[in-house]
Protein backbone atom coordinates (compact mmCIF):
# COMPACT_ATOMS: atom_id res chain seq x y z
CA MET A 1 89.35 140.49 68.41
CA THR A 2 89.06 137.98 65.62
CA GLY A 3 88.67 134.23 65.74
CA TRP A 4 86.72 131.31 64.39
CA PRO A 5 83.09 132.40 63.85
CA ILE A 6 81.88 129.55 66.04
CA VAL A 7 83.42 131.21 69.13
CA LYS A 8 82.35 134.81 68.40
CA HIS A 9 79.50 134.66 70.94
CA GLU A 10 81.83 133.51 73.70
CA LEU A 11 84.36 136.21 72.80
CA ARG A 12 81.67 138.90 72.84
CA TYR A 13 80.34 137.54 76.14
CA GLY A 14 83.86 137.92 77.52
CA GLY A 15 83.96 141.58 76.48
CA ALA A 16 85.70 141.38 73.11
CA GLU A 17 84.60 143.27 70.03
CA TRP A 18 84.63 140.42 67.48
CA VAL A 19 85.39 141.16 63.82
CA ASP A 20 85.70 138.89 60.79
CA GLN A 21 89.12 140.01 59.50
CA GLN A 22 92.33 138.21 58.60
CA VAL A 23 94.38 140.16 61.12
CA VAL A 24 93.56 142.49 63.99
CA VAL A 25 96.13 144.51 65.95
CA ASP A 26 95.38 146.04 69.36
CA LYS A 27 98.20 147.78 71.23
CA GLY A 28 100.79 145.66 69.47
CA ILE A 29 98.99 142.35 69.99
CA VAL A 30 98.41 140.61 66.64
CA ILE A 31 95.68 138.00 66.28
CA SER A 32 94.06 136.19 63.36
CA ARG A 33 91.14 133.87 62.66
CA ASN A 34 92.57 130.60 61.38
CA PRO A 35 95.57 128.95 59.71
CA ASP A 36 94.57 130.31 56.28
CA ASP A 37 95.39 133.79 57.63
CA ILE A 38 98.99 132.93 58.57
CA PRO A 39 100.57 134.78 55.59
CA ALA A 40 98.75 138.02 56.47
CA PHE A 41 99.47 137.45 60.16
CA ASN A 42 103.20 137.07 59.46
CA VAL A 43 103.36 140.26 57.39
CA ARG A 44 101.60 142.24 60.12
CA MET A 45 103.70 140.69 62.90
CA ILE A 46 106.90 141.72 61.11
CA GLY A 47 105.48 145.24 60.82
CA GLU A 48 104.81 145.28 64.57
CA PHE A 49 108.39 144.18 65.28
CA GLN A 50 109.63 147.01 63.07
CA GLU A 51 107.48 149.55 64.92
CA GLY A 52 109.12 148.64 68.22
CA ASP A 53 107.85 149.26 71.76
CA HIS A 54 104.11 149.81 72.12
CA SER A 55 104.10 150.54 75.86
CA SER A 56 103.64 154.27 75.25
CA LYS A 57 100.61 153.67 72.99
CA ARG A 58 98.24 152.62 75.80
């Protein structure tokens, strides 16, 4: 999981493995840290759409 550094402790407490990266993908779910990462997020999201169904990758 990625997100604003200020919430990393809460994310870790909730069971997430927090990383400081523009984009993280887990089983087809794409997340990013902040609005500055939107260009990288969009590129990765398009890639995920092109890959198709992720239900068999669990």
